[in-house]
Protein backbone atom coordinates (compact mmCIF):
# COMPACT_ATOMS: atom_id res chain seq x y z
CA MET A 1 63.21 -184.92 94.29
CA THR A 2 63.44 -186.41 97.44
CA MET A 3 63.42 -184.62 101.19
CA GLU A 4 67.02 -186.34 101.55
CA HIS A 5 68.15 -184.17 98.92
CA ASN A 6 66.52 -181.44 99.82
CA ASP A 7 68.34 -181.42 102.96
CA ALA A 8 71.82 -182.05 101.30
CA PRO A 9 74.20 -178.73 101.86
CA ASP A 10 73.97 -176.80 98.26
CA THR A 11 77.34 -175.02 97.79
CA ARG A 12 77.10 -171.97 95.49
CA ILE A 13 79.97 -169.42 94.44
CA ASP A 14 78.69 -165.75 94.08
CA PRO A 15 79.36 -165.14 90.32
CA VAL A 16 80.77 -161.87 91.00
CA LEU A 17 82.75 -161.94 94.25
CA GLY A 18 83.65 -165.72 94.45
CA THR A 19 81.99 -165.46 97.97
CA VAL A 20 81.19 -169.33 99.30
CA VAL A 21 77.50 -169.61 100.66
CA HIS A 22 76.63 -173.41 101.64
CA VAL A 23 73.04 -173.36 101.81
CA VAL A 24 72.10 -175.86 104.21
CA ARG A 25 68.24 -176.59 104.73
CA GLY A 26 68.94 -179.43 106.97
CA ARG A 27 69.86 -177.01 109.49
CA GLN A 28 67.04 -175.03 109.60
CA GLY A 29 64.89 -177.75 111.78
CA ARG A 30 67.79 -178.57 114.12
CA PRO A 31 66.95 -177.52 117.54
CA ASN A 32 68.06 -174.17 119.12
CA LEU A 33 67.74 -175.79 123.06
CA PRO A 34 67.76 -179.22 123.99
CA PRO A 35 64.22 -179.93 125.00
CA THR A 36 65.36 -181.69 128.50
CA GLY A 37 68.58 -181.75 129.80
CA CYS A 38 72.07 -181.27 128.77
CA PRO A 39 73.23 -183.65 125.76
CA PHE A 40 76.49 -183.32 126.43
CA CYS A 41 76.27 -184.53 130.07
CA ILE A 42 77.15 -187.73 131.23
CA GLY A 43 74.04 -189.67 130.80
CA GLY A 44 72.83 -187.31 127.79
CA VAL A 45 71.76 -188.22 124.37
CA GLU A 46 75.68 -187.54 122.73
CA ALA A 47 77.37 -188.80 125.86
CA PRO A 48 75.31 -192.03 127.53
CA GLU A 49 78.62 -193.42 129.24
CA PRO A 50 81.45 -191.31 131.18
CA TYR A 51 84.12 -189.75 129.21
CA THR A 52 87.24 -187.55 129.92
CA VAL A 53 86.95 -186.07 126.36
CA LYS A 54 84.79 -187.15 123.72
CA ALA A 55 84.54 -186.55 120.27
CA PHE A 56 81.48 -187.67 117.63
CA PRO A 57 79.52 -186.87 114.82
CA ASN A 58 77.22 -183.76 114.28
CA ARG A 59 73.78 -185.13 113.84
CA TRP A 60 73.10 -181.65 111.53
CA PRO A 61 76.26 -181.67 109.70
CA ALA A 62 76.54 -178.27 107.91
CA LEU A 63 79.04 -180.07 105.18
CA GLY A 64 77.25 -183.28 104.75
CA PRO A 65 77.83 -186.35 106.51
CA GLY A 66 81.31 -187.29 108.09
CA ARG A 67 82.36 -183.89 107.51
CA CYS A 68 81.09 -182.15 110.93
CA GLU A 69 82.47 -183.13 114.47
CA VAL A 70 81.58 -181.87 118.19
CA VAL A 71 84.19 -182.15 120.68
CA LEU A 72 83.56 -182.42 124.23
CA TYR A 73 86.17 -180.87 126.99
CA THR A 74 84.67 -182.15 129.83
CA PRO A 75 81.73 -183.87 131.31
CA GLU A 76 81.98 -180.76 134.01
CA HIS A 77 78.75 -178.83 132.51
CA GLU A 78 79.90 -175.60 134.75
CA ALA A 79 83.32 -175.88 133.28
CA THR A 80 85.79 -173.65 131.29
CA PHE A 81 88.21 -173.90 129.57
CA ALA A 82 90.56 -171.94 131.99
CA SER A 83 89.10 -174.12 134.44
CA LEU A 84 90.33 -177.71 133.04
CA GLY A 85 93.93 -176.98 133.67
CA VAL A 86 96.58 -177.70 131.81
CA ALA A 87 96.33 -181.63 131.93
CA ARG A 88 92.62 -182.04 130.74
CA ALA A 89 93.30 -179.13 128.30
CA ARG A 90 96.49 -181.10 126.95
CA SER A 91 93.76 -183.72 126.62
CA VAL A 92 91.55 -181.51 124.43
CA ILE A 93 94.74 -180.33 122.38
CA ASP A 94 95.32 -184.31 121.95
CA LEU A 95 92.20 -185.14 120.62
CA TRP A 96 91.94 -182.11 118.02
CA ALA A 97 95.25 -183.19 116.92
CA GLU A 98 93.59 -187.27 116.32
CA ARG A 99 90.60 -186.17 114.78
CA THR A 100 92.45 -183.47 112.72
CA VAL A 101 94.72 -186.52 111.50
CA ALA A 102 91.86 -189.13 110.93
CA LEU A 103 89.81 -186.42 109.02
CA ARG A 104 92.56 -185.28 106.68
CA ALA A 105 93.16 -188.94 105.75
CA ARG A 106 89.60 -188.70 104.25
CA GLY A 107 90.42 -188.41 100.19
CA ASP A 108 87.91 -185.65 100.19
CA VAL A 109 89.21 -183.52 102.89
CA GLU A 110 91.49 -180.58 101.93
CA PHE A 111 91.37 -178.67 105.23
CA VAL A 112 90.15 -179.53 108.53
CA LEU A 113 89.24 -176.31 111.09
CA VAL A 114 89.19 -176.95 114.33
CA PHE A 115 86.88 -173.99 116.50
CA GLU A 116 84.52 -172.98 119.01
CA ASN A 117 81.51 -170.73 119.80
CA ARG A 118 81.16 -169.84 123.49
CA GLY A 119 77.75 -167.69 124.50
CA PRO A 120 74.66 -167.01 123.12
CA GLU A 121 76.07 -163.77 121.43
CA VAL A 122 78.19 -165.77 118.79
CA GLY A 123 75.57 -168.48 118.46
CA ALA A 124 76.33 -171.19 121.13
CA THR A 125 72.88 -173.07 121.73
CA ILE A 126 74.60 -175.24 124.24
CA ALA A 127 76.59 -174.17 127.08
CA HIS A 128 78.62 -177.29 128.12
CA PRO A 129 81.85 -176.67 127.24
CA HIS A 130 82.64 -178.15 123.48
CA GLY A 131 83.88 -177.09 119.78
CA GLN A 132 83.37 -178.57 116.68
CA ILE A 133 85.61 -179.83 113.64
CA TYR A 134 84.67 -178.92 110.16
CA ALA A 135 86.35 -180.92 107.06
CA TYR A 136 86.54 -178.83 104.05
CA ASP A 137 86.90 -180.52 100.47
CA HIS A 138 88.50 -177.16 99.63
CA VAL A 139 90.56 -174.37 101.36
CA PRO A 140 88.19 -171.76 102.25
CA LEU A 141 88.87 -168.05 101.14
CA ARG A 142 90.56 -166.85 104.09
CA PRO A 143 92.70 -169.28 105.58
CA ARG A 144 93.94 -169.63 101.37
CA ARG A 145 94.22 -166.15 101.61
CA ARG A 146 96.90 -166.44 104.83
CA LEU A 147 98.65 -169.21 102.99
CA GLU A 148 99.20 -167.42 99.58
CA ALA A 149 100.35 -164.81 102.01
CA GLY A 150 102.84 -166.65 103.87
CA TRP A 151 101.00 -165.60 107.46
CA ARG A 152 103.80 -165.86 109.82
CA PRO A 153 103.54 -164.41 113.68
CA GLU A 154 104.40 -160.52 114.00
CA PRO A 155 108.09 -160.34 114.88
CA ASP A 156 107.85 -157.52 117.36
CA PRO A 157 104.11 -156.87 118.54
CA GLY A 158 105.41 -153.85 120.64
CA ASP A 159 102.49 -152.55 123.08
CA ARG A 160 100.24 -155.35 121.61
CA LEU A 161 102.14 -158.33 122.94
CA ILE A 162 100.24 -159.93 125.98
CA HIS A 163 102.85 -162.99 127.05
CA ALA A 164 105.24 -164.89 125.72
CA GLY A 165 106.66 -168.18 127.43
CA GLU A 166 106.69 -172.01 126.78
CA GLY A 167 107.64 -172.03 123.18
CA TRP A 168 104.36 -169.55 122.19
CA ARG A 169 103.03 -166.43 122.57
CA TRP A 170 100.06 -164.58 122.27
CA TRP A 171 99.28 -160.69 121.37
CA SER A 172 96.24 -158.12 120.22
CA GLN A 173 96.22 -157.94 116.17
CA PHE A 174 96.79 -154.96 114.67
CA SER A 175 94.27 -154.10 112.52
CA PRO A 176 91.62 -156.09 114.38
CA VAL A 177 87.84 -156.32 112.41
CA HIS A 178 86.39 -157.35 116.34
CA PRO A 179 86.54 -155.35 119.58
CA ILE A 180 88.78 -158.13 120.74
CA SER A 181 91.03 -160.08 118.44
CA LEU A 182 93.67 -162.12 119.39
CA SER A 183 96.31 -164.51 117.95
CA ILE A 184 98.64 -167.17 119.68
CA ALA A 185 101.55 -169.09 117.76
CA PRO A 186 104.28 -170.99 118.64
CA GLU A 187 107.84 -169.29 119.00
CA GLU A 188 109.23 -171.99 116.45
CA ARG A 189 107.08 -172.86 112.92
CA ILE A 190 105.20 -176.03 112.87
CA PRO A 191 102.46 -176.74 110.56
CA ASP A 192 99.45 -178.56 112.81
CA LEU A 193 98.96 -179.97 115.88
CA ALA A 194 99.82 -183.08 114.64
CA ALA A 195 103.75 -182.04 114.19
CA ALA A 196 103.72 -180.58 117.49
CA GLY A 197 105.42 -182.21 120.30
CA ASP A 198 104.59 -183.11 124.43
CA ALA A 199 106.26 -180.04 125.27
CA GLU A 200 105.01 -177.90 122.59
CA ARG A 201 101.26 -179.46 123.53
CA ASP A 202 101.92 -178.70 127.07
CA GLY A 203 102.57 -174.95 126.34
CA LEU A 204 99.79 -174.96 124.48
CA ALA A 205 97.65 -176.38 127.20
CA GLY A 206 98.96 -173.45 129.38
CA ILE A 207 98.94 -170.57 127.47
CA LEU A 208 95.01 -171.39 126.13
CA CYS A 209 93.92 -171.88 129.93
CA ASP A 210 95.72 -168.53 130.98
CA ALA A 211 94.06 -166.80 128.33
CA PHE A 212 91.16 -167.77 128.82
CA GLY A 213 91.35 -167.36 132.59
CA ARG A 214 92.18 -163.54 131.55
CA LEU A 215 89.74 -163.23 128.99
CA ASP A 216 86.67 -163.68 131.28
CA ARG A 217 88.34 -161.56 134.41
CA LEU A 218 88.43 -158.91 131.71
CA PHE A 219 84.90 -157.89 132.59
CA ASP A 220 84.72 -160.06 135.62
CA ARG A 221 81.91 -162.29 133.62
CA SER A 222 82.04 -164.97 131.44
CA LEU A 223 83.16 -163.27 127.68
CA PRO A 224 80.86 -164.82 125.05
CA TYR A 225 84.12 -165.96 122.32
CA MET A 226 84.95 -167.61 118.77
CA MET A 227 88.14 -168.99 118.21
CA TRP A 228 89.68 -171.43 115.46
CA LEU A 229 93.09 -173.26 115.18
CA TYR A 230 94.78 -172.76 111.29
CA GLN A 231 96.20 -175.65 110.48
CA ALA A 232 98.51 -176.74 107.19
CA PRO A 233 95.86 -177.89 104.19
CA ASN A 234 96.59 -181.12 102.52
CA ALA A 235 98.24 -179.76 99.84
CA PRO A 236 100.88 -177.15 99.77
CA ILE A 237 99.62 -173.13 99.30
CA GLY A 238 102.05 -170.60 98.91
CA ASP A 239 105.68 -170.17 98.80
CA ALA A 240 106.05 -170.37 102.72
CA PRO A 241 105.69 -173.69 104.87
CA PRO A 242 102.29 -172.88 107.01
CA TRP A 243 102.30 -171.75 110.46
CA PHE A 244 100.10 -172.94 112.88
CA ASN A 245 97.83 -170.22 114.84
CA LEU A 246 95.08 -169.58 116.63
CA GLU A 247 92.73 -166.75 116.53
CA ILE A 248 90.39 -165.51 119.13
CA VAL A 249 87.70 -162.80 118.83
CA SER A 250 84.82 -161.60 120.81
CA PRO A 251 82.05 -158.61 119.92
CA TRP A 252 82.31 -157.30 122.91
CA ARG A 253 83.46 -153.68 123.40
CA SER A 254 82.46 -153.42 127.10
CA ALA A 255 80.90 -155.74 129.43
CA GLY A 256 77.64 -157.05 128.13
CA VAL A 257 77.99 -154.61 125.09
CA CYS A 258 78.29 -156.00 121.64
CA ARG A 259 79.83 -153.98 118.96
CA TYR A 260 78.01 -155.13 115.70
CA VAL A 261 78.95 -154.57 112.06
CA ALA A 262 77.29 -152.24 110.51
CA ALA A 263 75.76 -151.43 106.78
CA ALA A 264 78.46 -149.74 105.58
CA GLU A 265 81.27 -151.94 106.76
CA LEU A 266 79.31 -155.06 105.24
CA ALA A 267 78.68 -152.85 101.86
CA CYS A 268 82.87 -151.81 101.46
CA GLU A 269 84.39 -154.53 103.88
CA GLU A 270 85.80 -152.06 105.57
CA TYR A 271 85.43 -151.86 109.58
CA PHE A 272 85.08 -148.97 111.84
CA ASN A 273 86.45 -150.63 115.21
CA PRO A 274 86.01 -148.47 118.69
CA VAL A 275 88.50 -150.18 120.51
CA ASP A 276 92.01 -150.05 120.41
CA PRO A 277 94.21 -153.37 120.29
CA ALA A 278 96.97 -152.01 122.59
CA ASP A 279 94.28 -150.54 125.20
CA VAL A 280 92.90 -154.70 125.06
CA ALA A 281 96.72 -156.08 125.17
CA ASP A 282 97.61 -153.96 128.17
CA ARG A 283 94.59 -154.89 130.42
CA LEU A 284 95.53 -158.55 129.75
CA ARG A 285 98.62 -158.21 130.98
CA LEU A 286 97.40 -156.80 133.85
CA LEU A 287 95.23 -159.40 134.20
CA ALA A 288 97.51 -162.49 134.94
CA SER A 289 96.60 -164.93 137.60
CA VAL A 290 98.71 -164.70 140.82
CA GLY A 291 99.01 -168.85 140.77
CA SER A 292 100.33 -170.97 137.92
CA VAL A 293 97.76 -172.90 135.94
CA THR A 294 98.14 -176.55 136.80
């Protein structure tokens, strides 16, 4: 058995529960932090030339070569998604859409996931603003369940609605696993970013800048979070057409205090969340920026 074969991802399925686990031995040896400098700043190993936004293959792909990419939002190391402003955030959204279309065009890809981890609390090892894209050869269980159920935006989130405008709205989820669990969706159904027009992409850029700005003001410090985009798979699933949406979650239940998922929750897949989603929504509504994002 060669080392290359040993390092190849090994997908295993639990014979009782059906849980999918990718054993990715090759990622065990990846560096947690760059030895010198930031690889994503201009002149770094991944960005030797100037750029505005940039996508490139992950050197340690969890799903095998060509299936995992890194997306750099900006060359500015200290930037946040909120500080990009609408125009530069729109450039990120356009790149997400472009890479989704390119990866989905491969004959061995069924589902493309765009996502971001920010902060060491959720496993991010490089602070430079960036996200990732995974191209799966199947539709993973959670997005498949949502598609089969015909997911669509809540018709009336009530006191959990945070903001609506520019063709989009975002709200705090009804039954959140994480202390902060937010959904963002367009008012009109679109299957993915590629189907979004200029106005819809501008609207999404604005709502993301607004959302991440409020989230960083929630505890007066940078909030660790995870974000992912649910887009249509290559082949139809379920009776209803897919409805594009995003989720943003954070493990913080108060400033610097993580809510850890404990034994009973993992054992039974029933969760005990101490944070009322209506309280999260109320606080985020009050944190609207005085000026508009440009």
